[in-house]
């Protein structure tokens, strides 16, 4: 379904306040999510 279709396919299953999109060829630094949550 592509990248957009893949995220859309599971959006209804997300029951948290935030949702992150992450490419499968990206490796996040350990504080990646912390900085993003702080921004929101």
ModelCIF file with pLDDT and N, C-alpha, C, O atoms, coordinates in Angstrom:
data_MODEL
#
_entry.id   MODEL 
#
_entity.id                         1 
_entity.type                       polymer 
_entity.pdbx_number_of_molecules   1 
#
_entity_poly.entity_id                      1 
_entity_poly.type                           'polypeptide(L)' 
_entity_poly.nstd_linkage                   no 
_entity_poly.nstd_monomer                   no 
_entity_poly.pdbx_seq_one_letter_code       
;(UNK)(UNK)(UNK)(UNK)(UNK)(UNK)(UNK)(UNK)(UNK)(UNK)(UNK)(UNK)(UNK)(UNK)(UNK)(UNK)
(UNK)(UNK)(UNK)(UNK)(UNK)(UNK)(UNK)(UNK)(UNK)(UNK)(UNK)(UNK)(UNK)(UNK)(UNK)(UNK)
(UNK)(UNK)(UNK)(UNK)(UNK)(UNK)(UNK)(UNK)
;
_entity_poly.pdbx_seq_one_letter_code_can   XXXXXXXXXXXXXXXXXXXXXXXXXXXXXXXXXXXXXXXX 
_entity_poly.pdbx_strand_id                 A 
#
loop_
_entity_poly_seq.entity_id 
_entity_poly_seq.num 
_entity_poly_seq.mon_id 
_entity_poly_seq.hetero 
1 1  UNK n 
1 2  UNK n 
1 3  UNK n 
1 4  UNK n 
1 5  UNK n 
1 6  UNK n 
1 7  UNK n 
1 8  UNK n 
1 9  UNK n 
1 10 UNK n 
1 11 UNK n 
1 12 UNK n 
1 13 UNK n 
1 14 UNK n 
1 15 UNK n 
1 16 UNK n 
1 17 UNK n 
1 18 UNK n 
1 19 UNK n 
1 20 UNK n 
1 21 UNK n 
1 22 UNK n 
1 23 UNK n 
1 24 UNK n 
1 25 UNK n 
1 26 UNK n 
1 27 UNK n 
1 28 UNK n 
1 29 UNK n 
1 30 UNK n 
1 31 UNK n 
1 32 UNK n 
1 33 UNK n 
1 34 UNK n 
1 35 UNK n 
1 36 UNK n 
1 37 UNK n 
1 38 UNK n 
1 39 UNK n 
1 40 UNK n 
#
_struct_asym.id          A 
_struct_asym.entity_id   1 
#
loop_
_ma_qa_metric.id 
_ma_qa_metric.mode 
_ma_qa_metric.name 
_ma_qa_metric.software_group_id 
_ma_qa_metric.type 
1 global pLDDT . pLDDT 
2 local  pLDDT . pLDDT 
#
_ma_qa_metric_global.metric_id      1 
_ma_qa_metric_global.metric_value   97.72 
_ma_qa_metric_global.model_id       1 
_ma_qa_metric_global.ordinal_id     1 
#
loop_
_ma_qa_metric_local.label_asym_id 
_ma_qa_metric_local.label_comp_id 
_ma_qa_metric_local.label_seq_id 
_ma_qa_metric_local.metric_id 
_ma_qa_metric_local.metric_value 
_ma_qa_metric_local.model_id 
_ma_qa_metric_local.ordinal_id 
A UNK 1  2 97.00 1 1  
A UNK 2  2 96.00 1 2  
A UNK 3  2 97.00 1 3  
A UNK 4  2 98.00 1 4  
A UNK 5  2 98.00 1 5  
A UNK 6  2 98.00 1 6  
A UNK 7  2 98.00 1 7  
A UNK 8  2 98.00 1 8  
A UNK 9  2 98.00 1 9  
A UNK 10 2 98.00 1 10 
A UNK 11 2 98.00 1 11 
A UNK 12 2 97.00 1 12 
A UNK 13 2 96.00 1 13 
A UNK 14 2 98.00 1 14 
A UNK 15 2 97.00 1 15 
A UNK 16 2 98.00 1 16 
A UNK 17 2 98.00 1 17 
A UNK 18 2 99.00 1 18 
A UNK 19 2 99.00 1 19 
A UNK 20 2 98.00 1 20 
A UNK 21 2 98.00 1 21 
A UNK 22 2 98.00 1 22 
A UNK 23 2 97.00 1 23 
A UNK 24 2 97.00 1 24 
A UNK 25 2 96.00 1 25 
A UNK 26 2 97.00 1 26 
A UNK 27 2 98.00 1 27 
A UNK 28 2 98.00 1 28 
A UNK 29 2 98.00 1 29 
A UNK 30 2 98.00 1 30 
A UNK 31 2 98.00 1 31 
A UNK 32 2 98.00 1 32 
A UNK 33 2 98.00 1 33 
A UNK 34 2 98.00 1 34 
A UNK 35 2 98.00 1 35 
A UNK 36 2 98.00 1 36 
A UNK 37 2 98.00 1 37 
A UNK 38 2 98.00 1 38 
A UNK 39 2 98.00 1 39 
A UNK 40 2 98.00 1 40 
#
loop_
_atom_site.group_PDB 
_atom_site.id 
_atom_site.type_symbol 
_atom_site.label_atom_id 
_atom_site.label_alt_id 
_atom_site.label_comp_id 
_atom_site.label_asym_id 
_atom_site.label_entity_id 
_atom_site.label_seq_id 
_atom_site.pdbx_PDB_ins_code 
_atom_site.Cartn_x 
_atom_site.Cartn_y 
_atom_site.Cartn_z 
_atom_site.occupancy 
_atom_site.B_iso_or_equiv 
_atom_site.pdbx_formal_charge 
_atom_site.auth_seq_id 
_atom_site.auth_comp_id 
_atom_site.auth_asym_id 
_atom_site.auth_atom_id 
_atom_site.pdbx_PDB_model_num 
ATOM 1   N N  . UNK A 1 1  ? 0.814  -1.216 0.000  1.00 97.00 ? 1  UNK A N  1 
ATOM 2   C CA . UNK A 1 1  ? 0.000  0.000  0.000  1.00 97.00 ? 1  UNK A CA 1 
ATOM 3   C C  . UNK A 1 1  ? 0.841  1.256  0.000  1.00 97.00 ? 1  UNK A C  1 
ATOM 4   O O  . UNK A 1 1  ? 0.300  2.359  0.084  1.00 97.00 ? 1  UNK A O  1 
ATOM 5   N N  . UNK A 1 2  ? 2.165  1.113  -0.093 1.00 96.00 ? 2  UNK A N  1 
ATOM 6   C CA . UNK A 1 2  ? 3.036  2.271  -0.062 1.00 96.00 ? 2  UNK A CA 1 
ATOM 7   C C  . UNK A 1 2  ? 3.239  2.796  1.346  1.00 96.00 ? 2  UNK A C  1 
ATOM 8   O O  . UNK A 1 2  ? 2.691  2.262  2.311  1.00 96.00 ? 2  UNK A O  1 
ATOM 9   N N  . UNK A 1 3  ? 4.039  3.857  1.450  1.00 97.00 ? 3  UNK A N  1 
ATOM 10  C CA . UNK A 1 3  ? 4.309  4.435  2.767  1.00 97.00 ? 3  UNK A CA 1 
ATOM 11  C C  . UNK A 1 3  ? 3.058  5.095  3.339  1.00 97.00 ? 3  UNK A C  1 
ATOM 12  O O  . UNK A 1 3  ? 2.685  4.852  4.487  1.00 97.00 ? 3  UNK A O  1 
ATOM 13  N N  . UNK A 1 4  ? 2.415  5.935  2.524  1.00 98.00 ? 4  UNK A N  1 
ATOM 14  C CA . UNK A 1 4  ? 1.209  6.610  2.993  1.00 98.00 ? 4  UNK A CA 1 
ATOM 15  C C  . UNK A 1 4  ? 0.105  5.609  3.305  1.00 98.00 ? 4  UNK A C  1 
ATOM 16  O O  . UNK A 1 4  ? -0.561 5.715  4.334  1.00 98.00 ? 4  UNK A O  1 
ATOM 17  N N  . UNK A 1 5  ? -0.086 4.647  2.425  1.00 98.00 ? 5  UNK A N  1 
ATOM 18  C CA . UNK A 1 5  ? -1.123 3.651  2.642  1.00 98.00 ? 5  UNK A CA 1 
ATOM 19  C C  . UNK A 1 5  ? -0.852 2.781  3.850  1.00 98.00 ? 5  UNK A C  1 
ATOM 20  O O  . UNK A 1 5  ? -1.781 2.370  4.545  1.00 98.00 ? 5  UNK A O  1 
ATOM 21  N N  . UNK A 1 6  ? 0.418  2.498  4.103  1.00 98.00 ? 6  UNK A N  1 
ATOM 22  C CA . UNK A 1 6  ? 0.774  1.687  5.263  1.00 98.00 ? 6  UNK A CA 1 
ATOM 23  C C  . UNK A 1 6  ? 0.444  2.378  6.571  1.00 98.00 ? 6  UNK A C  1 
ATOM 24  O O  . UNK A 1 6  ? -0.102 1.759  7.485  1.00 98.00 ? 6  UNK A O  1 
ATOM 25  N N  . UNK A 1 7  ? 0.776  3.671  6.665  1.00 98.00 ? 7  UNK A N  1 
ATOM 26  C CA . UNK A 1 7  ? 0.460  4.415  7.881  1.00 98.00 ? 7  UNK A CA 1 
ATOM 27  C C  . UNK A 1 7  ? -1.052 4.541  8.041  1.00 98.00 ? 7  UNK A C  1 
ATOM 28  O O  . UNK A 1 7  ? -1.592 4.352  9.132  1.00 98.00 ? 7  UNK A O  1 
ATOM 29  N N  . UNK A 1 8  ? -1.729 4.865  6.934  1.00 98.00 ? 8  UNK A N  1 
ATOM 30  C CA . UNK A 1 8  ? -3.187 5.016  6.997  1.00 98.00 ? 8  UNK A CA 1 
ATOM 31  C C  . UNK A 1 8  ? -3.877 3.724  7.426  1.00 98.00 ? 8  UNK A C  1 
ATOM 32  O O  . UNK A 1 8  ? -4.908 3.758  8.098  1.00 98.00 ? 8  UNK A O  1 
ATOM 33  N N  . UNK A 1 9  ? -3.303 2.584  7.034  1.00 98.00 ? 9  UNK A N  1 
ATOM 34  C CA . UNK A 1 9  ? -3.935 1.293  7.325  1.00 98.00 ? 9  UNK A CA 1 
ATOM 35  C C  . UNK A 1 9  ? -4.016 0.995  8.816  1.00 98.00 ? 9  UNK A C  1 
ATOM 36  O O  . UNK A 1 9  ? -4.883 0.236  9.248  1.00 98.00 ? 9  UNK A O  1 
ATOM 37  N N  . UNK A 1 10 ? -3.128 1.579  9.603  1.00 98.00 ? 10 UNK A N  1 
ATOM 38  C CA . UNK A 1 10 ? -3.114 1.257  11.038 1.00 98.00 ? 10 UNK A CA 1 
ATOM 39  C C  . UNK A 1 10 ? -3.446 2.451  11.920 1.00 98.00 ? 10 UNK A C  1 
ATOM 40  O O  . UNK A 1 10 ? -3.401 2.344  13.145 1.00 98.00 ? 10 UNK A O  1 
ATOM 41  N N  . UNK A 1 11 ? -3.782 3.592  11.311 1.00 98.00 ? 11 UNK A N  1 
ATOM 42  C CA . UNK A 1 11 ? -4.039 4.780  12.138 1.00 98.00 ? 11 UNK A CA 1 
ATOM 43  C C  . UNK A 1 11 ? -5.175 4.541  13.125 1.00 98.00 ? 11 UNK A C  1 
ATOM 44  O O  . UNK A 1 11 ? -5.126 5.034  14.252 1.00 98.00 ? 11 UNK A O  1 
ATOM 45  N N  . UNK A 1 12 ? -6.187 3.799  12.722 1.00 97.00 ? 12 UNK A N  1 
ATOM 46  C CA . UNK A 1 12 ? -7.295 3.529  13.636 1.00 97.00 ? 12 UNK A CA 1 
ATOM 47  C C  . UNK A 1 12 ? -6.882 2.637  14.804 1.00 97.00 ? 12 UNK A C  1 
ATOM 48  O O  . UNK A 1 12 ? -7.574 2.591  15.821 1.00 97.00 ? 12 UNK A O  1 
ATOM 49  N N  . UNK A 1 13 ? -5.767 1.932  14.669 1.00 96.00 ? 13 UNK A N  1 
ATOM 50  C CA . UNK A 1 13 ? -5.289 1.061  15.739 1.00 96.00 ? 13 UNK A CA 1 
ATOM 51  C C  . UNK A 1 13 ? -4.435 1.804  16.763 1.00 96.00 ? 13 UNK A C  1 
ATOM 52  O O  . UNK A 1 13 ? -4.092 1.247  17.806 1.00 96.00 ? 13 UNK A O  1 
ATOM 53  N N  . UNK A 1 14 ? -4.094 3.043  16.475 1.00 98.00 ? 14 UNK A N  1 
ATOM 54  C CA . UNK A 1 14 ? -3.248 3.829  17.379 1.00 98.00 ? 14 UNK A CA 1 
ATOM 55  C C  . UNK A 1 14 ? -4.109 4.385  18.501 1.00 98.00 ? 14 UNK A C  1 
ATOM 56  O O  . UNK A 1 14 ? -5.046 5.144  18.255 1.00 98.00 ? 14 UNK A O  1 
ATOM 57  N N  . UNK A 1 15 ? -3.787 4.003  19.745 1.00 97.00 ? 15 UNK A N  1 
ATOM 58  C CA . UNK A 1 15 ? -4.571 4.456  20.893 1.00 97.00 ? 15 UNK A CA 1 
ATOM 59  C C  . UNK A 1 15 ? -3.759 5.336  21.831 1.00 97.00 ? 15 UNK A C  1 
ATOM 60  O O  . UNK A 1 15 ? -4.132 5.525  22.989 1.00 97.00 ? 15 UNK A O  1 
ATOM 61  N N  . UNK A 1 16 ? -2.655 5.873  21.335 1.00 98.00 ? 16 UNK A N  1 
ATOM 62  C CA . UNK A 1 16 ? -1.825 6.772  22.126 1.00 98.00 ? 16 UNK A CA 1 
ATOM 63  C C  . UNK A 1 16 ? -2.073 8.218  21.698 1.00 98.00 ? 16 UNK A C  1 
ATOM 64  O O  . UNK A 1 16 ? -2.707 8.474  20.674 1.00 98.00 ? 16 UNK A O  1 
ATOM 65  N N  . UNK A 1 17 ? -1.569 9.149  22.487 1.00 98.00 ? 17 UNK A N  1 
ATOM 66  C CA . UNK A 1 17 ? -1.732 10.577 22.209 1.00 98.00 ? 17 UNK A CA 1 
ATOM 67  C C  . UNK A 1 17 ? -0.988 11.004 20.949 1.00 98.00 ? 17 UNK A C  1 
ATOM 68  O O  . UNK A 1 17 ? -1.468 11.845 20.189 1.00 98.00 ? 17 UNK A O  1 
ATOM 69  N N  . UNK A 1 18 ? 0.200  10.409 20.732 1.00 99.00 ? 18 UNK A N  1 
ATOM 70  C CA . UNK A 1 18 ? 1.041  10.773 19.605 1.00 99.00 ? 18 UNK A CA 1 
ATOM 71  C C  . UNK A 1 18 ? 1.272  9.570  18.700 1.00 99.00 ? 18 UNK A C  1 
ATOM 72  O O  . UNK A 1 18 ? 1.193  8.422  19.138 1.00 99.00 ? 18 UNK A O  1 
ATOM 73  N N  . UNK A 1 19 ? 1.560  9.852  17.420 1.00 99.00 ? 19 UNK A N  1 
ATOM 74  C CA . UNK A 1 19 ? 1.979  8.805  16.502 1.00 99.00 ? 19 UNK A CA 1 
ATOM 75  C C  . UNK A 1 19 ? 3.232  9.280  15.780 1.00 99.00 ? 19 UNK A C  1 
ATOM 76  O O  . UNK A 1 19 ? 3.291  10.409 15.295 1.00 99.00 ? 19 UNK A O  1 
ATOM 77  N N  . UNK A 1 20 ? 4.221  8.418  15.716 1.00 98.00 ? 20 UNK A N  1 
ATOM 78  C CA . UNK A 1 20 ? 5.458  8.742  15.000 1.00 98.00 ? 20 UNK A CA 1 
ATOM 79  C C  . UNK A 1 20 ? 5.477  8.008  13.678 1.00 98.00 ? 20 UNK A C  1 
ATOM 80  O O  . UNK A 1 20 ? 5.071  6.849  13.594 1.00 98.00 ? 20 UNK A O  1 
ATOM 81  N N  . UNK A 1 21 ? 5.952  8.689  12.642 1.00 98.00 ? 21 UNK A N  1 
ATOM 82  C CA . UNK A 1 21 ? 6.228  8.062  11.360 1.00 98.00 ? 21 UNK A CA 1 
ATOM 83  C C  . UNK A 1 21 ? 7.740  7.872  11.287 1.00 98.00 ? 21 UNK A C  1 
ATOM 84  O O  . UNK A 1 21 ? 8.498  8.816  11.507 1.00 98.00 ? 21 UNK A O  1 
ATOM 85  N N  . UNK A 1 22 ? 8.176  6.661  10.980 1.00 98.00 ? 22 UNK A N  1 
ATOM 86  C CA . UNK A 1 22 ? 9.611  6.399  10.903 1.00 98.00 ? 22 UNK A CA 1 
ATOM 87  C C  . UNK A 1 22 ? 9.907  5.459  9.750  1.00 98.00 ? 22 UNK A C  1 
ATOM 88  O O  . UNK A 1 22 ? 9.356  4.361  9.674  1.00 98.00 ? 22 UNK A O  1 
ATOM 89  N N  . UNK A 1 23 ? 10.780 5.897  8.853  1.00 97.00 ? 23 UNK A N  1 
ATOM 90  C CA . UNK A 1 23 ? 11.208 5.029  7.751  1.00 97.00 ? 23 UNK A CA 1 
ATOM 91  C C  . UNK A 1 23 ? 11.938 3.813  8.280  1.00 97.00 ? 23 UNK A C  1 
ATOM 92  O O  . UNK A 1 23 ? 12.611 3.883  9.309  1.00 97.00 ? 23 UNK A O  1 
ATOM 93  N N  . UNK A 1 24 ? 11.808 2.697  7.579  1.00 97.00 ? 24 UNK A N  1 
ATOM 94  C CA . UNK A 1 24 ? 12.488 1.479  8.033  1.00 97.00 ? 24 UNK A CA 1 
ATOM 95  C C  . UNK A 1 24 ? 13.984 1.531  7.805  1.00 97.00 ? 24 UNK A C  1 
ATOM 96  O O  . UNK A 1 24 ? 14.712 0.680  8.315  1.00 97.00 ? 24 UNK A O  1 
ATOM 97  N N  . UNK A 1 25 ? 14.473 2.537  7.030  1.00 96.00 ? 25 UNK A N  1 
ATOM 98  C CA . UNK A 1 25 ? 15.910 2.681  6.816  1.00 96.00 ? 25 UNK A CA 1 
ATOM 99  C C  . UNK A 1 25 ? 16.480 3.850  7.606  1.00 96.00 ? 25 UNK A C  1 
ATOM 100 O O  . UNK A 1 25 ? 17.533 4.385  7.261  1.00 96.00 ? 25 UNK A O  1 
ATOM 101 N N  . UNK A 1 26 ? 15.776 4.251  8.678  1.00 97.00 ? 26 UNK A N  1 
ATOM 102 C CA . UNK A 1 26 ? 16.245 5.312  9.568  1.00 97.00 ? 26 UNK A CA 1 
ATOM 103 C C  . UNK A 1 26 ? 16.513 4.728  10.952 1.00 97.00 ? 26 UNK A C  1 
ATOM 104 O O  . UNK A 1 26 ? 15.723 3.936  11.466 1.00 97.00 ? 26 UNK A O  1 
ATOM 105 N N  . UNK A 1 27 ? 17.627 5.125  11.544 1.00 98.00 ? 27 UNK A N  1 
ATOM 106 C CA . UNK A 1 27 ? 17.995 4.648  12.882 1.00 98.00 ? 27 UNK A CA 1 
ATOM 107 C C  . UNK A 1 27 ? 18.011 5.849  13.824 1.00 98.00 ? 27 UNK A C  1 
ATOM 108 O O  . UNK A 1 27 ? 18.911 6.684  13.734 1.00 98.00 ? 27 UNK A O  1 
ATOM 109 N N  . UNK A 1 28 ? 17.040 5.953  14.718 1.00 98.00 ? 28 UNK A N  1 
ATOM 110 C CA . UNK A 1 28 ? 16.956 7.122  15.592 1.00 98.00 ? 28 UNK A CA 1 
ATOM 111 C C  . UNK A 1 28 ? 17.966 7.085  16.729 1.00 98.00 ? 28 UNK A C  1 
ATOM 112 O O  . UNK A 1 28 ? 18.276 6.022  17.266 1.00 98.00 ? 28 UNK A O  1 
ATOM 113 N N  . UNK A 1 29 ? 18.477 8.267  17.090 1.00 98.00 ? 29 UNK A N  1 
ATOM 114 C CA . UNK A 1 29 ? 19.328 8.386  18.265 1.00 98.00 ? 29 UNK A CA 1 
ATOM 115 C C  . UNK A 1 29 ? 18.484 8.119  19.511 1.00 98.00 ? 29 UNK A C  1 
ATOM 116 O O  . UNK A 1 29 ? 17.262 8.262  19.462 1.00 98.00 ? 29 UNK A O  1 
ATOM 117 N N  . UNK A 1 30 ? 19.111 7.732  20.630 1.00 98.00 ? 30 UNK A N  1 
ATOM 118 C CA . UNK A 1 30 ? 18.333 7.351  21.820 1.00 98.00 ? 30 UNK A CA 1 
ATOM 119 C C  . UNK A 1 30 ? 17.388 8.434  22.345 1.00 98.00 ? 30 UNK A C  1 
ATOM 120 O O  . UNK A 1 30 ? 16.352 8.110  22.925 1.00 98.00 ? 30 UNK A O  1 
ATOM 121 N N  . UNK A 1 31 ? 17.726 9.716  22.153 1.00 98.00 ? 31 UNK A N  1 
ATOM 122 C CA . UNK A 1 31 ? 16.873 10.790 22.660 1.00 98.00 ? 31 UNK A CA 1 
ATOM 123 C C  . UNK A 1 31 ? 15.966 11.369 21.578 1.00 98.00 ? 31 UNK A C  1 
ATOM 124 O O  . UNK A 1 31 ? 15.355 12.419 21.779 1.00 98.00 ? 31 UNK A O  1 
ATOM 125 N N  . UNK A 1 32 ? 15.874 10.696 20.434 1.00 98.00 ? 32 UNK A N  1 
ATOM 126 C CA . UNK A 1 32 ? 15.050 11.158 19.311 1.00 98.00 ? 32 UNK A CA 1 
ATOM 127 C C  . UNK A 1 32 ? 13.598 11.399 19.730 1.00 98.00 ? 32 UNK A C  1 
ATOM 128 O O  . UNK A 1 32 ? 13.054 12.480 19.502 1.00 98.00 ? 32 UNK A O  1 
ATOM 129 N N  . UNK A 1 33 ? 12.989 10.415 20.327 1.00 98.00 ? 33 UNK A N  1 
ATOM 130 C CA . UNK A 1 33 ? 11.580 10.526 20.693 1.00 98.00 ? 33 UNK A CA 1 
ATOM 131 C C  . UNK A 1 33 ? 11.382 11.541 21.816 1.00 98.00 ? 33 UNK A C  1 
ATOM 132 O O  . UNK A 1 33 ? 10.383 12.259 21.823 1.00 98.00 ? 33 UNK A O  1 
ATOM 133 N N  . UNK A 1 34 ? 12.297 11.611 22.746 1.00 98.00 ? 34 UNK A N  1 
ATOM 134 C CA . UNK A 1 34 ? 12.165 12.556 23.858 1.00 98.00 ? 34 UNK A CA 1 
ATOM 135 C C  . UNK A 1 34 ? 12.105 13.991 23.347 1.00 98.00 ? 34 UNK A C  1 
ATOM 136 O O  . UNK A 1 34 ? 11.269 14.774 23.798 1.00 98.00 ? 34 UNK A O  1 
ATOM 137 N N  . UNK A 1 35 ? 12.976 14.339 22.418 1.00 98.00 ? 35 UNK A N  1 
ATOM 138 C CA . UNK A 1 35 ? 12.983 15.704 21.879 1.00 98.00 ? 35 UNK A CA 1 
ATOM 139 C C  . UNK A 1 35 ? 11.693 15.996 21.105 1.00 98.00 ? 35 UNK A C  1 
ATOM 140 O O  . UNK A 1 35 ? 11.156 17.100 21.187 1.00 98.00 ? 35 UNK A O  1 
ATOM 141 N N  . UNK A 1 36 ? 11.202 15.014 20.361 1.00 98.00 ? 36 UNK A N  1 
ATOM 142 C CA . UNK A 1 36 ? 9.979  15.228 19.593 1.00 98.00 ? 36 UNK A CA 1 
ATOM 143 C C  . UNK A 1 36 ? 8.761  15.362 20.510 1.00 98.00 ? 36 UNK A C  1 
ATOM 144 O O  . UNK A 1 36 ? 7.913  16.225 20.283 1.00 98.00 ? 36 UNK A O  1 
ATOM 145 N N  . UNK A 1 37 ? 8.665  14.532 21.529 1.00 98.00 ? 37 UNK A N  1 
ATOM 146 C CA . UNK A 1 37 ? 7.550  14.652 22.474 1.00 98.00 ? 37 UNK A CA 1 
ATOM 147 C C  . UNK A 1 37 ? 7.583  16.000 23.176 1.00 98.00 ? 37 UNK A C  1 
ATOM 148 O O  . UNK A 1 37 ? 6.535  16.610 23.389 1.00 98.00 ? 37 UNK A O  1 
ATOM 149 N N  . UNK A 1 38 ? 8.765  16.473 23.538 1.00 98.00 ? 38 UNK A N  1 
ATOM 150 C CA . UNK A 1 38 ? 8.875  17.779 24.193 1.00 98.00 ? 38 UNK A CA 1 
ATOM 151 C C  . UNK A 1 38 ? 8.363  18.887 23.279 1.00 98.00 ? 38 UNK A C  1 
ATOM 152 O O  . UNK A 1 38 ? 7.732  19.835 23.747 1.00 98.00 ? 38 UNK A O  1 
ATOM 153 N N  . UNK A 1 39 ? 8.633  18.774 21.975 1.00 98.00 ? 39 UNK A N  1 
ATOM 154 C CA . UNK A 1 39 ? 8.173  19.797 21.025 1.00 98.00 ? 39 UNK A CA 1 
ATOM 155 C C  . UNK A 1 39 ? 6.651  19.822 20.943 1.00 98.00 ? 39 UNK A C  1 
ATOM 156 O O  . UNK A 1 39 ? 6.055  20.896 20.855 1.00 98.00 ? 39 UNK A O  1 
ATOM 157 N N  . UNK A 1 40 ? 6.021  18.659 20.970 1.00 98.00 ? 40 UNK A N  1 
ATOM 158 C CA . UNK A 1 40 ? 4.566  18.622 20.942 1.00 98.00 ? 40 UNK A CA 1 
ATOM 159 C C  . UNK A 1 40 ? 3.977  19.106 22.267 1.00 98.00 ? 40 UNK A C  1 
ATOM 160 O O  . UNK A 1 40 ? 2.757  19.143 22.425 1.00 98.00 ? 40 UNK A O  1 
#
